[in-house]
Amino acid sequence: MTLNRKNAPAIIEIKSIKIKEAQENELANGIKLFSINASNEEVIKLDLVFDAGIKVQDYKSQANFTSKMLSEGTSKYSAAELAEKLDYFGAYFQTKSTTEEGIITLYCLNKHLNSCLPFIVEILTDSIFPKNDLDILKKNAIQNLKVNEERNSFLVRRSFNQAIFGGESIYGSYSTETDIELVSQDQVKVFYQNHYQKGIKYILVSGFVNNETIEIINSNFGTESFTKYNNLAYNYVGNEIKPTDLYINKSNSVQSAIRIGRRLFNRNHPDFREMQLLNLILGGYFGSRLMKNIREEKGLTYGIYSAIEAYPFDACWYIDTEMNNDLCETGITEIYKELDRLRTETIGEKELKTAKNYVLGSFLRSIDGPFSLADRFKILKDFDLEYSYFYEFIETIKNTTAERLKELANLYFKEQDLTRVVVGSK
């Protein structure tokens, strides 16, 4: 049979979906363990989650450097020895510090889990944070900051977040060179003791998981060396900041970086799921209106997109692009025209159907495989949601009407509510 490549394949509607859910266990010391057994390959991903994010730090960059320094050795093993011993088993670990949490992730084969976990235990009980290594990390961080501050895309993101969240908010806070220089070995050690050693928030294991896997994790982390997470009180107060227009002049810039948007709401808001669909139509994929108009038809930029960034305590929506300085005002005018179209015109049936299929197809890809399922589960934990959220999401997208999207555009895409930041050269 010869394929006729002039005809696109038929679109098959997604009628129902089944998500492999995480199973909840409890270690001997009360620490929560969630497991997702969804792989035929004997691979394991283990996430240890701590209440060790920016929100609980006492000094800027304290959480970030503590996270980075966890791989720099213990009293028993140097950083090189730790890496070498894990590499022997084909395993590796990485650390991450977010606004809310600190996360240690181990990747290894199921059969080597029992051999690898003692090294992670060692890191959590006996990290020494060598001063020389901290100094090197600080120098690298300062150099990276200097490089970033020459990039318009970095400057526009930083200025936008500070403008809509406030510079002292955890979502608008950025470290300066001075902040980095002031981070000390003692500050890092204190943060480690207070936020990594005083309780594991939860453990998430995904991949080829069986009863033996659970037992191995329990034997390593269910001991008296580790304690059940004691919820730390945190009172987030969102700043009520008026929309503003900012222009940051960089005389040597060929292009201008542009970000237009506003504070929004996160996944717990009833309008969030429909807003995801509306955002997709505007600028959330390659077939979006912004791409068709400003990239394909007008040729004003190589790329433009819109996005919703949802955090546990806050959220924002924005349009982001870069274009030639001389074309900047023309591009901004076209952006506002597309927002006005969404407020005044009803989206056509074909465009809406295409967007819905894209959203649902993307969701299917996002739950393909154990590690992707773990990422989906992490979203539920971050926002205190149940698995029903995903099933409701599918039904919401299917049933959303063009009239409803127009209503949302009039609620949340008003030009007077938007902050605009431009970094470039006039």
Protein backbone atom coordinates (compact mmCIF):
# COMPACT_ATOMS: atom_id res chain seq x y z
CA MET A 1 0.00 0.00 0.00
CA THR A 2 1.41 3.39 -1.02
CA LEU A 3 0.93 6.29 1.36
CA ASN A 4 -0.50 9.49 -0.04
CA ARG A 5 1.67 12.00 1.77
CA LYS A 6 -0.41 14.92 0.51
CA ASN A 7 -3.13 13.95 2.96
CA ALA A 8 -2.61 14.37 6.70
CA PRO A 9 -3.41 11.34 8.87
CA ALA A 10 -6.88 11.26 10.38
CA ILE A 11 -7.29 12.80 13.83
CA ILE A 12 -8.57 10.28 16.35
CA GLU A 13 -10.50 11.74 19.26
CA ILE A 14 -9.33 10.74 22.73
CA LYS A 15 -12.42 9.34 24.40
CA SER A 16 -10.99 8.08 27.69
CA ILE A 17 -7.72 7.69 29.47
CA LYS A 18 -6.30 5.62 32.32
CA ILE A 19 -3.45 6.95 34.44
CA LYS A 20 -1.18 4.66 36.41
CA GLU A 21 -1.50 6.03 39.93
CA ALA A 22 1.14 6.18 42.63
CA GLN A 23 0.75 3.80 45.54
CA GLU A 24 1.22 5.19 49.03
CA ASN A 25 3.40 3.41 51.56
CA GLU A 26 4.92 4.37 54.88
CA LEU A 27 8.43 3.61 56.06
CA ALA A 28 9.12 2.27 59.54
CA ASN A 29 9.80 5.79 60.83
CA GLY A 30 6.63 7.27 59.31
CA ILE A 31 8.15 8.87 56.19
CA LYS A 32 5.75 8.74 53.24
CA LEU A 33 6.87 6.68 50.24
CA PHE A 34 5.01 6.87 46.93
CA SER A 35 5.74 4.29 44.25
CA ILE A 36 4.87 4.01 40.57
CA ASN A 37 5.55 0.59 39.06
CA ALA A 38 5.22 1.23 35.33
CA SER A 39 8.25 -0.12 33.51
CA ASN A 40 9.41 -3.37 31.96
CA GLU A 41 12.98 -2.09 32.01
CA GLU A 42 14.79 -2.57 35.31
CA VAL A 43 15.45 1.14 35.86
CA ILE A 44 14.70 3.15 38.99
CA LYS A 45 14.29 6.85 39.61
CA LEU A 46 14.25 7.83 43.26
CA ASP A 47 13.29 11.34 44.36
CA LEU A 48 13.92 12.49 47.92
CA VAL A 49 11.95 15.69 48.51
CA PHE A 50 12.74 18.19 51.27
CA ASP A 51 11.23 21.44 52.44
CA ALA A 52 14.48 23.15 51.44
CA GLY A 53 13.60 25.70 48.79
CA ILE A 54 14.12 29.44 48.49
CA LYS A 55 11.04 30.10 50.62
CA VAL A 56 12.77 28.92 53.81
CA GLN A 57 16.25 30.36 53.27
CA ASP A 58 17.58 33.10 55.55
CA TYR A 59 20.03 34.49 52.98
CA LYS A 60 19.84 34.82 49.23
CA SER A 61 21.42 31.87 47.35
CA GLN A 62 21.65 29.83 50.57
CA ALA A 63 19.24 27.13 49.36
CA ASN A 64 20.81 26.94 45.91
CA PHE A 65 24.39 26.54 47.13
CA THR A 66 23.41 24.00 49.76
CA SER A 67 21.78 21.91 47.04
CA LYS A 68 24.81 22.18 44.76
CA MET A 69 27.22 21.33 47.57
CA LEU A 70 25.49 18.03 48.38
CA SER A 71 27.56 16.43 45.62
CA GLU A 72 30.86 17.81 46.93
CA GLY A 73 31.73 15.01 49.33
CA THR A 74 31.43 13.65 52.85
CA SER A 75 33.97 12.94 55.59
CA LYS A 76 34.35 9.46 54.09
CA TYR A 77 34.20 10.15 50.34
CA SER A 78 35.38 13.03 48.20
CA ALA A 79 33.16 14.35 45.40
CA ALA A 80 35.20 12.40 42.85
CA GLU A 81 34.98 9.19 44.88
CA LEU A 82 31.20 9.51 45.25
CA ALA A 83 30.78 10.01 41.52
CA GLU A 84 33.16 7.14 40.74
CA LYS A 85 31.44 4.67 43.07
CA LEU A 86 27.99 5.44 41.66
CA ASP A 87 29.35 5.34 38.13
CA TYR A 88 30.65 1.83 38.81
CA PHE A 89 27.00 0.73 39.10
CA GLY A 90 25.91 2.79 36.07
CA ALA A 91 24.12 5.18 38.42
CA TYR A 92 24.18 8.90 39.02
CA PHE A 93 22.45 11.42 41.22
CA GLN A 94 21.55 15.06 40.83
CA THR A 95 20.25 17.79 43.10
CA LYS A 96 17.81 20.59 42.44
CA SER A 97 16.66 23.58 44.41
CA THR A 98 13.33 25.18 43.53
CA THR A 99 11.39 28.03 45.09
CA GLU A 100 9.61 25.59 47.38
CA GLU A 101 11.74 22.45 47.70
CA GLY A 102 15.10 20.76 47.57
CA ILE A 103 15.20 17.48 45.64
CA ILE A 104 17.82 14.73 45.43
CA THR A 105 17.29 12.33 42.52
CA LEU A 106 19.02 8.99 41.98
CA TYR A 107 18.91 7.03 38.72
CA CYS A 108 20.07 3.42 38.80
CA LEU A 109 19.24 -0.13 37.79
CA ASN A 110 16.83 -1.92 40.10
CA LYS A 111 19.39 -4.62 40.88
CA HIS A 112 21.93 -2.04 42.05
CA LEU A 113 19.58 0.01 44.25
CA ASN A 114 20.78 -1.62 47.46
CA SER A 115 24.39 -0.86 46.51
CA CYS A 116 23.71 2.77 45.57
CA LEU A 117 21.46 3.98 48.37
CA PRO A 118 24.14 3.88 51.12
CA PHE A 119 25.97 6.65 49.24
CA ILE A 120 22.83 8.80 49.27
CA VAL A 121 22.43 8.06 52.98
CA GLU A 122 26.03 9.18 53.43
CA ILE A 123 25.30 12.44 51.63
CA LEU A 124 22.29 13.16 53.84
CA THR A 125 23.98 12.32 57.12
CA ASP A 126 27.60 13.39 56.64
CA SER A 127 28.10 16.05 53.94
CA ILE A 128 31.01 18.33 54.86
CA PHE A 129 30.68 21.22 52.34
CA PRO A 130 34.39 21.89 51.66
CA LYS A 131 35.13 25.64 51.66
CA ASN A 132 37.42 25.45 48.61
CA ASP A 133 34.67 23.78 46.57
CA LEU A 134 32.14 26.37 47.76
CA ASP A 135 34.49 29.16 46.68
CA ILE A 136 34.81 27.61 43.23
CA LEU A 137 31.03 27.28 42.90
CA LYS A 138 30.62 30.91 43.95
CA LYS A 139 33.15 32.09 41.38
CA ASN A 140 31.38 30.08 38.68
CA ALA A 141 27.99 31.44 39.76
CA ILE A 142 29.26 35.03 39.61
CA GLN A 143 30.71 34.44 36.16
CA ASN A 144 27.42 32.90 34.97
CA LEU A 145 25.52 35.86 36.39
CA LYS A 146 27.76 38.29 34.50
CA VAL A 147 27.20 36.36 31.29
CA ASN A 148 23.44 36.24 31.87
CA GLU A 149 23.28 39.97 32.54
CA GLU A 150 24.54 40.52 29.01
CA ARG A 151 21.61 38.52 27.64
CA ASN A 152 18.42 40.45 26.99
CA SER A 153 16.32 37.34 27.53
CA PHE A 154 17.61 37.00 31.10
CA LEU A 155 17.15 40.68 31.87
CA VAL A 156 13.59 40.76 30.58
CA ARG A 157 12.62 37.68 32.60
CA ARG A 158 14.17 39.04 35.79
CA SER A 159 12.64 42.50 35.39
CA PHE A 160 9.22 41.08 34.51
CA ASN A 161 9.10 38.79 37.56
CA GLN A 162 10.23 41.60 39.83
CA ALA A 163 7.60 43.91 38.32
CA ILE A 164 4.63 41.57 38.79
CA PHE A 165 5.61 39.69 41.98
CA GLY A 166 7.81 42.25 43.71
CA GLY A 167 11.57 42.07 44.19
CA GLU A 168 11.27 40.70 47.73
CA SER A 169 8.80 37.96 46.79
CA ILE A 170 10.19 34.44 46.46
CA TYR A 171 9.07 34.52 42.82
CA GLY A 172 10.64 37.87 42.05
CA SER A 173 13.83 37.52 44.10
CA TYR A 174 17.17 37.25 42.27
CA SER A 175 20.66 37.05 43.73
CA THR A 176 23.21 39.76 43.00
CA GLU A 177 26.97 39.31 42.79
CA THR A 178 27.21 40.61 46.37
CA ASP A 179 24.61 38.09 47.58
CA ILE A 180 26.64 35.25 46.08
CA GLU A 181 29.92 36.52 47.53
CA LEU A 182 28.38 36.66 51.02
CA VAL A 183 27.27 33.00 51.08
CA SER A 184 29.42 31.26 53.69
CA GLN A 185 30.26 27.68 54.57
CA ASP A 186 28.49 28.11 57.92
CA GLN A 187 25.29 29.35 56.21
CA VAL A 188 25.28 26.29 53.96
CA LYS A 189 25.87 23.91 56.86
CA VAL A 190 23.06 25.46 58.91
CA PHE A 191 20.61 25.20 56.01
CA TYR A 192 21.61 21.55 55.50
CA GLN A 193 21.05 20.76 59.17
CA ASN A 194 17.73 22.59 59.39
CA HIS A 195 16.13 21.59 56.10
CA TYR A 196 17.71 18.34 54.91
CA GLN A 197 18.51 16.56 58.15
CA LYS A 198 15.36 17.46 60.09
CA GLY A 199 12.89 15.57 57.97
CA ILE A 200 12.20 14.10 54.53
CA LYS A 201 9.02 15.56 53.08
CA TYR A 202 8.36 12.41 51.04
CA ILE A 203 10.06 9.87 48.80
CA LEU A 204 8.91 9.06 45.27
CA VAL A 205 10.18 5.98 43.43
CA SER A 206 9.24 5.19 39.83
CA GLY A 207 10.22 2.66 37.20
CA PHE A 208 10.62 -1.06 37.84
CA VAL A 209 9.30 -1.14 41.40
CA ASN A 210 8.51 -4.31 43.37
CA ASN A 211 8.26 -5.35 47.01
CA GLU A 212 12.02 -5.77 47.26
CA THR A 213 12.45 -2.17 46.05
CA ILE A 214 10.21 -0.93 48.86
CA GLU A 215 12.07 -3.02 51.43
CA ILE A 216 15.45 -1.69 50.30
CA ILE A 217 14.25 1.91 50.54
CA ASN A 218 12.81 1.20 53.99
CA SER A 219 16.03 -0.38 55.23
CA ASN A 220 17.99 2.71 54.15
CA PHE A 221 15.61 5.57 54.96
CA GLY A 222 13.18 4.02 57.46
CA THR A 223 15.79 4.11 60.22
CA GLU A 224 16.22 6.42 63.22
CA SER A 225 18.77 8.42 61.21
CA PHE A 226 15.87 10.03 59.35
CA THR A 227 12.75 11.64 60.70
CA LYS A 228 9.26 12.20 59.40
CA TYR A 229 8.76 15.62 57.85
CA ASN A 230 7.42 18.23 60.24
CA ASN A 231 5.44 20.70 58.19
CA LEU A 232 7.02 24.15 58.33
CA ALA A 233 4.61 27.06 58.47
CA TYR A 234 5.02 29.46 55.57
CA ASN A 235 2.81 32.46 55.00
CA TYR A 236 2.98 33.67 51.42
CA VAL A 237 1.52 37.11 50.81
CA GLY A 238 1.09 38.08 47.17
CA ASN A 239 2.02 41.66 46.36
CA GLU A 240 -0.66 43.83 44.80
CA ILE A 241 1.43 45.64 42.20
CA LYS A 242 -0.05 47.86 39.51
CA PRO A 243 0.67 47.03 35.85
CA THR A 244 3.60 48.97 34.44
CA ASP A 245 5.64 49.58 31.29
CA LEU A 246 9.40 49.21 31.65
CA TYR A 247 12.08 49.91 29.10
CA ILE A 248 15.67 48.84 29.84
CA ASN A 249 18.12 50.41 27.43
CA LYS A 250 21.06 48.34 26.17
CA SER A 251 22.83 50.48 23.60
CA ASN A 252 24.79 47.61 22.06
CA SER A 253 21.70 45.43 21.44
CA VAL A 254 20.71 44.43 17.93
CA GLN A 255 17.46 42.88 19.12
CA SER A 256 14.92 43.73 21.80
CA ALA A 257 13.59 41.16 24.25
CA ILE A 258 9.89 41.63 24.98
CA ARG A 259 7.73 40.15 27.72
CA ILE A 260 4.10 41.15 28.19
CA GLY A 261 1.87 39.58 30.84
CA ARG A 262 0.44 39.61 34.33
CA ARG A 263 0.05 37.75 37.60
CA LEU A 264 -2.52 35.02 37.24
CA PHE A 265 -3.76 32.05 39.29
CA ASN A 266 -2.42 28.55 39.70
CA ARG A 267 -3.87 25.07 39.16
CA ASN A 268 -6.20 25.32 42.14
CA HIS A 269 -8.30 28.00 40.41
CA PRO A 270 -11.41 26.77 38.53
CA ASP A 271 -10.48 28.74 35.37
CA PHE A 272 -6.94 27.37 35.11
CA ARG A 273 -7.61 24.43 32.79
CA GLU A 274 -9.63 26.46 30.30
CA MET A 275 -6.95 29.16 30.41
CA GLN A 276 -4.41 26.54 29.36
CA LEU A 277 -6.45 25.97 26.21
CA LEU A 278 -6.87 29.68 25.54
CA ASN A 279 -3.15 30.24 26.03
CA LEU A 280 -2.36 27.42 23.60
CA ILE A 281 -4.47 29.02 20.88
CA LEU A 282 -2.78 32.36 21.44
CA GLY A 283 0.85 31.26 21.62
CA GLY A 284 1.27 27.83 23.19
CA TYR A 285 2.35 25.80 20.15
CA PHE A 286 3.78 26.19 16.65
CA GLY A 287 0.34 26.56 15.07
CA SER A 288 -0.70 29.35 17.44
CA ARG A 289 -1.99 32.77 16.39
CA LEU A 290 1.10 34.62 17.52
CA MET A 291 3.35 32.31 15.49
CA LYS A 292 1.16 32.53 12.38
CA ASN A 293 0.82 36.31 12.47
CA ILE A 294 4.09 37.63 13.85
CA ARG A 295 6.50 34.95 12.61
CA GLU A 296 5.01 33.46 9.45
CA GLU A 297 2.99 36.32 7.97
CA LYS A 298 4.86 39.42 9.20
CA GLY A 299 8.35 37.93 9.57
CA LEU A 300 9.02 40.04 12.66
CA THR A 301 10.68 37.31 14.76
CA TYR A 302 12.09 33.81 14.62
CA GLY A 303 9.95 32.75 17.53
CA ILE A 304 7.22 33.95 19.85
CA TYR A 305 5.23 32.10 22.47
CA SER A 306 2.93 32.55 25.45
CA ALA A 307 2.96 30.53 28.66
CA ILE A 308 1.36 30.10 32.06
CA GLU A 309 3.83 29.45 34.87
CA ALA A 310 2.01 28.05 37.89
CA TYR A 311 3.64 27.86 41.31
CA PRO A 312 2.16 26.50 44.55
CA PHE A 313 1.64 30.01 45.94
CA ASP A 314 1.26 32.19 42.84
CA ALA A 315 1.34 32.21 39.04
CA CYS A 316 1.87 34.36 35.98
CA TRP A 317 0.98 34.44 32.30
CA TYR A 318 3.13 36.10 29.67
CA ILE A 319 4.02 36.49 25.99
CA ASP A 320 7.73 36.32 25.20
CA THR A 321 9.71 37.12 22.05
CA GLU A 322 12.78 38.83 20.63
CA MET A 323 12.87 40.96 17.50
CA ASN A 324 14.92 43.60 15.73
CA ASN A 325 14.94 46.93 17.57
CA ASP A 326 13.41 48.73 14.58
CA LEU A 327 10.52 46.24 14.46
CA CYS A 328 9.83 46.20 18.19
CA GLU A 329 6.90 48.64 18.26
CA THR A 330 5.32 47.01 15.21
CA GLY A 331 5.57 43.61 16.90
CA ILE A 332 4.04 44.87 20.14
CA THR A 333 1.16 46.40 18.19
CA GLU A 334 0.51 43.04 16.53
CA ILE A 335 0.60 41.27 19.89
CA TYR A 336 -2.09 43.56 21.23
CA LYS A 337 -4.13 43.02 18.06
CA GLU A 338 -4.11 39.27 18.66
CA LEU A 339 -5.25 39.78 22.25
CA ASP A 340 -8.02 42.07 21.03
CA ARG A 341 -9.14 39.44 18.50
CA LEU A 342 -9.55 36.91 21.30
CA ARG A 343 -11.64 39.41 23.25
CA THR A 344 -13.89 40.44 20.36
CA GLU A 345 -14.06 37.51 17.92
CA THR A 346 -15.28 33.98 18.49
CA ILE A 347 -12.69 31.26 17.77
CA GLY A 348 -13.61 29.15 14.76
CA GLU A 349 -14.68 25.52 15.13
CA LYS A 350 -11.73 24.08 13.19
CA GLU A 351 -9.13 26.09 15.12
CA LEU A 352 -10.72 25.15 18.44
CA LYS A 353 -10.87 21.46 17.55
CA THR A 354 -7.21 21.45 16.47
CA ALA A 355 -6.16 23.11 19.72
CA LYS A 356 -8.17 20.67 21.83
CA ASN A 357 -6.62 17.69 20.04
CA TYR A 358 -3.16 19.16 20.55
CA VAL A 359 -3.73 19.70 24.29
CA LEU A 360 -5.06 16.20 24.82
CA GLY A 361 -2.32 14.64 22.69
CA SER A 362 0.31 16.54 24.68
CA PHE A 363 -1.25 15.28 27.88
CA LEU A 364 -1.04 11.70 26.63
CA ARG A 365 2.66 12.17 25.92
CA SER A 366 3.13 13.61 29.40
CA ILE A 367 2.00 10.35 31.04
CA ASP A 368 4.00 8.05 28.76
CA GLY A 369 6.49 6.16 30.90
CA PRO A 370 7.18 5.85 34.63
CA PHE A 371 9.32 8.97 34.97
CA SER A 372 6.71 11.09 33.21
CA LEU A 373 4.06 9.64 35.50
CA ALA A 374 6.25 10.63 38.44
CA ASP A 375 6.39 14.20 37.12
CA ARG A 376 2.59 14.27 36.86
CA PHE A 377 2.26 12.95 40.41
CA LYS A 378 4.67 15.64 41.60
CA ILE A 379 2.26 18.27 40.24
CA LEU A 380 -0.55 16.78 42.31
CA LYS A 381 1.60 16.87 45.44
CA ASP A 382 2.76 20.44 44.82
CA PHE A 383 -0.79 21.75 44.50
CA ASP A 384 -2.50 19.37 46.94
CA LEU A 385 -4.65 17.79 44.22
CA GLU A 386 -6.06 14.32 43.58
CA TYR A 387 -5.81 12.20 40.43
CA SER A 388 -9.34 13.29 39.63
CA TYR A 389 -7.78 16.61 38.60
CA PHE A 390 -6.36 15.02 35.44
CA TYR A 391 -9.60 13.28 34.50
CA GLU A 392 -11.52 16.50 35.05
CA PHE A 393 -8.92 18.31 32.94
CA ILE A 394 -9.67 16.05 29.98
CA GLU A 395 -13.42 16.55 30.28
CA THR A 396 -13.01 20.29 30.75
CA ILE A 397 -10.93 20.63 27.58
CA LYS A 398 -13.40 18.52 25.59
CA ASN A 399 -16.39 20.59 26.71
CA THR A 400 -14.93 24.10 26.60
CA THR A 401 -16.75 26.30 24.07
CA ALA A 402 -15.50 29.17 21.92
CA GLU A 403 -17.88 31.49 23.77
CA ARG A 404 -16.34 30.50 27.10
CA LEU A 405 -12.82 31.22 25.80
CA LYS A 406 -13.92 34.64 24.59
CA GLU A 407 -15.33 35.30 28.06
CA LEU A 408 -12.00 34.32 29.65
CA ALA A 409 -10.07 36.55 27.24
CA ASN A 410 -12.20 39.49 28.34
CA LEU A 411 -11.56 38.65 31.97
CA TYR A 412 -7.83 38.07 31.89
CA PHE A 413 -6.39 39.58 28.69
CA LYS A 414 -7.36 43.21 29.20
CA GLU A 415 -4.60 45.45 27.91
CA GLN A 416 -4.79 47.75 30.95
CA ASP A 417 -4.02 44.81 33.26
CA LEU A 418 -0.77 43.85 31.52
CA THR A 419 2.81 44.67 32.42
CA ARG A 420 5.19 45.20 29.52
CA VAL A 421 8.97 44.93 29.78
CA VAL A 422 11.31 45.63 26.84
CA VAL A 423 15.10 45.25 26.93
CA GLY A 424 16.89 46.64 23.89
CA SER A 425 18.16 49.71 22.11
CA LYS A 426 15.94 52.45 20.73
